[in-house]
Amino acid sequence: MSTLFSELRIRGTLLRNRLVMSPMCMYSSEDGFVSDWHLVHYPTRAVGGVGLIILEATAVEERGRISPLDLGIYRDEHVEGLKRVVQLCKEFGAKVGIQLAHAGRKAEDYPPWEREKVKVRGSREAIAPSPIPFGENWLTPREMTKEDIEDVKSSYRKAVRRAVEVGFDLVEIHSAHGYLIHEFLSPVANRREDEYGGSFENRVRFLLEVVRIARKELPDSVPLSVRISAVDYVEGGWILEESVELAKLLKEEGVDLIDCSSGRIAQEESFTEYPGHQVPFAERISREAGIGTIAVGMIRTYEQAEEIVSNGRADLVAIGRKFLRDPYLPLRWAKQAGVKMEVPRQYIRAW
């Protein structure tokens, strides 16, 4: 019996297995709209058998895009295209989530493949908790006023409402990888002296306010996930013990899952990646905060993924780049595990 290929219910969402396609920027949108690329890319992974697809970081504000080619949910007009993606994926058995994001000081005004041509990186529209650039040769963001904070919270509220209209099975708040909400959490990027800076209680305030907005706007049946960077890998930065305490607070606010990533708060960070290096974060947060977790990061084999979920180290396993190489990864792993999965009749002869 494979735990990885067992069902999991989170609120009103029933996943056919514990495999998640991690959100990955596709840089394929114009003005935030869904393109033909999205209509091919995401449903293909649904055909491949994944349990949950979380769409790429989707901007809640135009100035909050990671790049000008990011998917967006900051206009009502974005809803129609997103509905089509979700409908197609659901036709093939996958559940679909959306990752709501604001890039903060890491917003950029050009595609990633043009970064080498840019002398000073960033966006002149970038906002952040404090006027501290991400790193050397980055533009200094504008420090957010109280009005800015309220405006961004309003943008999240509208984005969640649109996500409900689209029909997503899960909503994830992106609070990791050095983007806006992570910038509020980390002392590396947050030097504010008001109620949004300084103490742990103040630095987590903005995220908790966004989460309360999201939970209020979401039906009770729709799960809410928060992706965090569990540690900063920078001296004086966010630490794992704070992640555990944050997870406890998020659970009280109605969050169902903590998606456990790490790092990327500053250019000078230093750490070593290896298979499963972030799994202990998910395991500790799950154990000490009593909340569901998603493990992610260089999970490369069926045996590795099965060990994580069968031993209760995380509830779900998210995979990124491997899904770019192999859309049918779940079908391959199921066959390897001797698990019978439903295959589209058009593909039965191959399986």
Protein backbone atom coordinates (compact mmCIF):
# COMPACT_ATOMS: atom_id res chain seq x y z
CA MET A 1 0.00 0.00 0.00
CA SER A 2 1.42 3.39 -1.02
CA THR A 3 0.69 6.38 1.22
CA LEU A 4 1.87 8.71 -1.55
CA PHE A 5 -0.94 7.48 -3.80
CA SER A 6 -3.62 7.53 -1.11
CA GLU A 7 -6.36 10.16 -1.06
CA LEU A 8 -6.24 13.15 1.27
CA ARG A 9 -9.15 15.39 2.21
CA ILE A 10 -8.44 18.96 3.29
CA ARG A 11 -11.68 20.73 4.20
CA GLY A 12 -13.92 20.19 1.16
CA THR A 13 -11.11 19.35 -1.24
CA LEU A 14 -10.39 15.66 -1.87
CA LEU A 15 -7.01 15.01 -3.49
CA ARG A 16 -6.53 11.77 -5.40
CA ASN A 17 -2.94 11.49 -4.15
CA ARG A 18 -0.32 13.37 -2.11
CA LEU A 19 1.66 14.72 -5.08
CA VAL A 20 1.63 18.47 -5.70
CA MET A 21 2.93 20.36 -8.70
CA SER A 22 4.79 23.23 -7.08
CA PRO A 23 4.07 26.76 -8.35
CA MET A 24 6.68 27.83 -10.92
CA CYS A 25 6.71 31.08 -12.90
CA MET A 26 6.06 30.47 -16.58
CA TYR A 27 6.81 34.02 -17.82
CA SER A 28 4.15 33.53 -20.47
CA SER A 29 1.52 36.18 -19.76
CA GLU A 30 0.78 39.50 -21.39
CA ASP A 31 -0.78 42.03 -18.99
CA GLY A 32 -1.39 39.16 -16.57
CA PHE A 33 -3.67 37.17 -18.87
CA VAL A 34 -3.71 33.41 -19.37
CA SER A 35 -2.11 32.40 -22.67
CA ASP A 36 -2.25 29.29 -24.83
CA TRP A 37 0.89 28.12 -23.03
CA HIS A 38 -1.02 27.87 -19.74
CA LEU A 39 -3.87 26.01 -21.44
CA VAL A 40 -1.40 23.34 -22.57
CA HIS A 41 1.07 23.31 -19.68
CA TYR A 42 -1.24 22.83 -16.69
CA PRO A 43 -3.82 20.38 -18.11
CA THR A 44 -0.97 18.17 -19.36
CA ARG A 45 0.14 17.65 -15.75
CA ALA A 46 -3.46 16.89 -14.78
CA VAL A 47 -3.53 14.17 -17.45
CA GLY A 48 -0.26 12.93 -15.92
CA GLY A 49 -2.00 12.12 -12.65
CA VAL A 50 -0.88 14.78 -10.15
CA GLY A 51 -3.21 15.30 -7.20
CA LEU A 52 -2.90 19.07 -6.81
CA ILE A 53 -1.63 21.72 -9.20
CA ILE A 54 -0.76 25.08 -7.65
CA LEU A 55 -0.60 27.73 -10.34
CA GLU A 56 2.48 29.90 -10.57
CA ALA A 57 2.92 32.99 -8.39
CA THR A 58 0.00 35.12 -9.54
CA ALA A 59 0.24 38.84 -8.90
CA VAL A 60 -2.39 40.60 -6.79
CA GLU A 61 -1.16 43.97 -8.07
CA GLU A 62 0.45 45.06 -11.31
CA ARG A 63 3.36 46.63 -9.40
CA GLY A 64 3.71 43.37 -7.49
CA ARG A 65 4.64 41.21 -10.47
CA ILE A 66 7.94 39.35 -10.32
CA SER A 67 8.32 40.17 -14.01
CA PRO A 68 6.12 41.84 -16.65
CA LEU A 69 5.28 38.35 -17.95
CA ASP A 70 3.70 37.12 -14.71
CA LEU A 71 0.20 35.72 -14.48
CA GLY A 72 -2.17 38.15 -12.76
CA ILE A 73 -5.42 38.22 -10.82
CA TYR A 74 -5.53 41.99 -10.27
CA ARG A 75 -8.26 42.63 -12.86
CA ASP A 76 -11.74 41.21 -13.21
CA GLU A 77 -10.87 40.47 -16.83
CA HIS A 78 -8.27 37.89 -15.70
CA VAL A 79 -11.00 35.62 -14.32
CA GLU A 80 -12.23 34.17 -17.61
CA GLY A 81 -8.84 32.76 -18.67
CA LEU A 82 -8.14 31.36 -15.22
CA LYS A 83 -11.52 29.62 -15.25
CA ARG A 84 -10.59 27.86 -18.48
CA VAL A 85 -7.32 26.55 -17.00
CA VAL A 86 -9.07 25.29 -13.88
CA GLN A 87 -11.90 23.64 -15.82
CA LEU A 88 -9.48 21.79 -18.10
CA CYS A 89 -7.37 20.50 -15.20
CA LYS A 90 -10.43 19.34 -13.27
CA GLU A 91 -11.68 17.43 -16.29
CA PHE A 92 -8.62 15.21 -15.88
CA GLY A 93 -8.99 14.65 -12.14
CA ALA A 94 -6.57 17.18 -10.65
CA LYS A 95 -7.48 19.76 -8.05
CA VAL A 96 -6.19 23.26 -8.70
CA GLY A 97 -4.86 25.92 -6.35
CA ILE A 98 -3.55 29.41 -6.93
CA GLN A 99 -0.57 31.08 -5.28
CA LEU A 100 -1.34 34.74 -4.60
CA ALA A 101 1.82 36.81 -4.66
CA HIS A 102 3.31 40.28 -4.40
CA ALA A 103 6.98 40.63 -5.33
CA GLY A 104 7.70 43.66 -3.13
CA ARG A 105 11.31 44.80 -3.54
CA LYS A 106 12.05 41.88 -5.90
CA ALA A 107 9.71 43.12 -8.64
CA GLU A 108 11.53 43.50 -11.97
CA ASP A 109 10.65 45.40 -15.14
CA TYR A 110 12.04 42.88 -17.66
CA PRO A 111 11.96 39.13 -18.40
CA PRO A 112 14.48 36.94 -16.53
CA TRP A 113 16.45 36.17 -19.69
CA GLU A 114 17.32 39.87 -20.01
CA ARG A 115 18.77 40.23 -16.50
CA GLU A 116 22.36 40.08 -17.70
CA LYS A 117 21.75 43.12 -19.89
CA VAL A 118 20.45 45.21 -16.98
CA LYS A 119 22.94 47.32 -15.05
CA VAL A 120 20.66 47.93 -12.09
CA ARG A 121 18.03 45.30 -11.34
CA GLY A 122 14.54 45.79 -9.95
CA SER A 123 11.56 48.02 -10.64
CA ARG A 124 11.12 51.73 -10.13
CA GLU A 125 7.60 50.96 -8.90
CA ALA A 126 8.79 48.51 -6.22
CA ILE A 127 7.51 48.90 -2.68
CA ALA A 128 8.76 47.22 0.49
CA PRO A 129 8.49 47.41 4.29
CA SER A 130 11.77 49.36 4.39
CA PRO A 131 13.89 51.16 1.75
CA ILE A 132 16.50 48.40 1.58
CA PRO A 133 17.52 46.93 -1.81
CA PHE A 134 17.58 43.16 -2.28
CA GLY A 135 21.30 43.25 -3.01
CA GLU A 136 24.14 44.93 -4.83
CA ASN A 137 23.10 46.60 -8.10
CA TRP A 138 19.41 46.55 -7.16
CA LEU A 139 17.14 49.58 -7.06
CA THR A 140 16.09 50.79 -3.62
CA PRO A 141 12.35 50.20 -3.10
CA ARG A 142 10.03 52.85 -1.73
CA GLU A 143 9.13 52.34 1.92
CA MET A 144 5.46 51.51 2.28
CA THR A 145 3.20 54.00 4.02
CA LYS A 146 0.22 52.93 6.10
CA GLU A 147 -1.91 53.79 3.07
CA ASP A 148 0.21 51.45 0.93
CA ILE A 149 -0.28 48.66 3.44
CA GLU A 150 -4.04 49.12 3.35
CA ASP A 151 -4.01 49.26 -0.46
CA VAL A 152 -2.11 45.97 -0.71
CA LYS A 153 -4.46 44.30 1.77
CA SER A 154 -7.35 45.50 -0.36
CA SER A 155 -5.65 44.00 -3.42
CA TYR A 156 -5.42 40.64 -1.64
CA ARG A 157 -9.09 40.84 -0.71
CA LYS A 158 -10.10 41.44 -4.33
CA ALA A 159 -7.74 38.70 -5.55
CA VAL A 160 -9.25 36.14 -3.16
CA ARG A 161 -12.75 37.10 -4.28
CA ARG A 162 -11.71 36.55 -7.90
CA ALA A 163 -10.11 33.22 -6.96
CA VAL A 164 -13.43 32.13 -5.46
CA GLU A 165 -15.21 33.21 -8.65
CA VAL A 166 -12.76 31.17 -10.73
CA GLY A 167 -13.42 28.06 -8.63
CA PHE A 168 -9.99 27.21 -7.25
CA ASP A 169 -9.87 24.23 -4.87
CA LEU A 170 -7.19 25.85 -2.70
CA VAL A 171 -5.65 29.28 -2.20
CA GLU A 172 -2.04 29.77 -1.15
CA ILE A 173 -0.56 33.01 0.18
CA HIS A 174 3.06 33.39 -0.98
CA SER A 175 5.06 34.50 2.06
CA ALA A 176 8.44 33.10 1.03
CA HIS A 177 11.46 33.64 -1.22
CA GLY A 178 12.11 37.28 -0.36
CA TYR A 179 8.84 38.63 -1.74
CA LEU A 180 6.70 41.24 0.00
CA ILE A 181 5.18 39.29 2.89
CA HIS A 182 8.49 37.54 3.60
CA GLU A 183 10.10 40.99 3.63
CA PHE A 184 7.78 41.97 6.49
CA LEU A 185 8.64 38.78 8.39
CA SER A 186 12.41 39.01 8.15
CA PRO A 187 14.59 41.45 10.14
CA VAL A 188 16.91 41.43 7.12
CA ALA A 189 14.38 43.40 5.07
CA ASN A 190 12.16 44.96 7.75
CA ARG A 191 13.61 47.84 9.76
CA ARG A 192 10.30 49.57 10.48
CA GLU A 193 9.72 51.23 13.85
CA ASP A 194 5.92 51.13 13.79
CA GLU A 195 3.50 48.29 14.58
CA TYR A 196 4.71 46.38 11.48
CA GLY A 197 8.37 46.17 12.48
CA GLY A 198 10.70 45.26 15.31
CA SER A 199 9.29 42.44 17.44
CA PHE A 200 8.17 39.06 16.15
CA GLU A 201 4.56 40.01 16.91
CA ASN A 202 4.89 43.15 14.79
CA ARG A 203 6.71 41.52 11.87
CA VAL A 204 4.07 38.79 11.49
CA ARG A 205 1.20 41.30 11.71
CA PHE A 206 0.89 41.98 7.97
CA LEU A 207 0.75 38.28 7.06
CA LEU A 208 -1.84 37.58 9.75
CA GLU A 209 -3.97 40.45 8.46
CA VAL A 210 -3.78 39.11 4.91
CA VAL A 211 -4.64 35.61 6.13
CA ARG A 212 -7.68 36.90 8.04
CA ILE A 213 -8.88 38.64 4.89
CA ALA A 214 -8.40 35.47 2.84
CA ARG A 215 -10.11 33.19 5.34
CA LYS A 216 -13.07 35.57 5.61
CA GLU A 217 -13.50 35.72 1.82
CA LEU A 218 -13.06 31.98 1.24
CA PRO A 219 -15.88 29.48 1.69
CA ASP A 220 -15.29 27.19 4.67
CA SER A 221 -14.87 24.30 2.22
CA VAL A 222 -11.79 25.83 0.50
CA PRO A 223 -8.40 25.14 2.13
CA LEU A 224 -5.93 27.94 2.78
CA SER A 225 -2.18 27.36 2.51
CA VAL A 226 0.74 29.66 3.31
CA ARG A 227 4.15 29.18 1.73
CA ILE A 228 6.99 30.32 3.98
CA SER A 229 10.75 30.39 3.91
CA ALA A 230 11.36 28.46 7.11
CA VAL A 231 14.85 29.94 7.51
CA ASP A 232 16.70 32.85 5.91
CA TYR A 233 20.31 31.54 5.67
CA VAL A 234 21.46 35.07 6.57
CA GLU A 235 22.89 36.17 9.92
CA GLY A 236 20.24 38.01 11.91
CA GLY A 237 17.45 36.71 9.67
CA TRP A 238 14.28 34.67 10.19
CA ILE A 239 14.86 31.38 12.01
CA LEU A 240 13.10 28.01 12.23
CA GLU A 241 11.85 28.58 15.77
CA GLU A 242 9.99 31.65 14.49
CA SER A 243 8.49 29.56 11.70
CA VAL A 244 7.10 27.12 14.27
CA GLU A 245 5.55 29.95 16.30
CA LEU A 246 4.16 31.55 13.14
CA ALA A 247 2.63 28.23 12.08
CA LYS A 248 0.81 28.00 15.43
CA LEU A 249 -0.66 31.47 14.89
CA LEU A 250 -1.64 30.66 11.32
CA LYS A 251 -3.41 27.50 12.45
CA GLU A 252 -5.48 29.59 14.85
CA GLU A 253 -6.44 31.84 11.93
CA GLY A 254 -7.79 28.93 9.88
CA VAL A 255 -4.76 28.07 7.75
CA ASP A 256 -4.71 24.39 6.77
CA LEU A 257 -1.24 23.88 5.29
CA ILE A 258 2.24 25.34 5.61
CA ASP A 259 4.19 24.97 2.37
CA CYS A 260 7.75 24.74 3.68
CA SER A 261 10.45 26.28 1.51
CA SER A 262 13.45 28.39 2.59
CA GLY A 263 15.78 31.26 1.80
CA ARG A 264 16.03 33.94 -0.92
CA ILE A 265 15.55 36.95 1.34
CA ALA A 266 18.87 38.53 0.34
CA GLN A 267 21.51 38.25 -2.33
CA GLU A 268 24.27 37.35 0.14
CA GLU A 269 22.65 34.21 1.60
CA SER A 270 24.73 31.04 1.81
CA PHE A 271 23.46 27.46 2.00
CA THR A 272 23.89 24.05 0.42
CA GLU A 273 21.10 22.30 -1.46
CA TYR A 274 20.80 18.52 -1.42
CA PRO A 275 17.92 16.08 -1.91
CA GLY A 276 15.32 16.64 0.78
CA HIS A 277 17.20 19.46 2.50
CA GLN A 278 13.95 21.27 3.38
CA VAL A 279 12.01 18.22 4.58
CA PRO A 280 13.14 18.63 8.23
CA PHE A 281 11.47 22.06 8.24
CA ALA A 282 8.13 20.55 7.24
CA GLU A 283 8.57 17.75 9.74
CA ARG A 284 9.32 20.00 12.70
CA ILE A 285 6.57 22.51 11.88
CA SER A 286 4.06 19.67 11.53
CA ARG A 287 5.12 18.06 14.80
CA GLU A 288 5.38 21.19 16.95
CA ALA A 289 2.58 23.32 15.48
CA GLY A 290 0.15 20.48 14.79
CA ILE A 291 -0.63 21.71 11.30
CA GLY A 292 -0.54 20.09 7.86
CA THR A 293 2.62 20.65 5.85
CA ILE A 294 3.90 20.39 2.29
CA ALA A 295 7.50 19.27 1.81
CA VAL A 296 9.34 20.65 -1.20
CA GLY A 297 12.87 20.83 -2.58
CA MET A 298 14.86 18.32 -4.63
CA ILE A 299 12.49 15.42 -3.98
CA ARG A 300 13.54 13.27 -6.90
CA THR A 301 12.47 9.65 -6.47
CA TYR A 302 9.34 7.71 -5.61
CA GLU A 303 11.10 6.08 -2.65
CA GLN A 304 12.08 9.49 -1.24
CA ALA A 305 8.57 10.92 -1.64
CA GLU A 306 6.93 7.78 -0.19
CA GLU A 307 9.22 7.85 2.85
CA ILE A 308 8.29 11.47 3.60
CA VAL A 309 4.53 10.96 3.65
CA SER A 310 4.41 7.39 4.99
CA ASN A 311 6.52 8.40 8.00
CA GLY A 312 4.36 11.46 8.65
CA ARG A 313 7.13 13.95 7.97
CA ALA A 314 4.72 15.93 5.76
CA ASP A 315 1.20 15.48 4.45
CA LEU A 316 2.02 16.33 0.83
CA VAL A 317 5.08 16.37 -1.39
CA ALA A 318 5.55 19.20 -3.89
CA ILE A 319 7.74 18.75 -6.93
CA GLY A 320 8.85 21.48 -9.31
CA ARG A 321 11.47 21.11 -12.02
CA LYS A 322 11.01 17.37 -12.30
CA PHE A 323 7.44 18.07 -13.43
CA LEU A 324 8.82 20.34 -16.15
CA ARG A 325 10.85 17.42 -17.46
CA ASP A 326 8.15 14.78 -17.02
CA PRO A 327 4.44 15.74 -17.05
CA TYR A 328 3.51 12.08 -16.49
CA LEU A 329 5.64 11.57 -13.40
CA PRO A 330 2.77 10.36 -11.17
CA LEU A 331 1.78 7.69 -13.69
CA ARG A 332 5.40 6.49 -13.85
CA TRP A 333 5.79 6.40 -10.08
CA ALA A 334 2.43 4.66 -9.63
CA LYS A 335 3.46 1.94 -12.07
CA GLN A 336 6.77 1.58 -10.23
CA ALA A 337 4.88 1.23 -6.92
CA GLY A 338 2.42 -1.27 -8.34
CA VAL A 339 -0.47 1.15 -7.85
CA LYS A 340 -3.25 1.22 -10.43
CA MET A 341 -4.10 4.76 -11.52
CA GLU A 342 -6.79 5.87 -13.90
CA VAL A 343 -5.23 6.62 -17.27
CA PRO A 344 -7.01 8.54 -20.05
CA ARG A 345 -8.38 5.97 -22.50
CA GLN A 346 -6.34 7.57 -25.25
CA TYR A 347 -3.15 6.55 -23.37
CA ILE A 348 -4.13 3.12 -22.05
CA ARG A 349 -2.11 1.29 -24.69
CA ALA A 350 1.06 2.91 -23.28
CA TRP A 351 0.40 1.95 -19.65
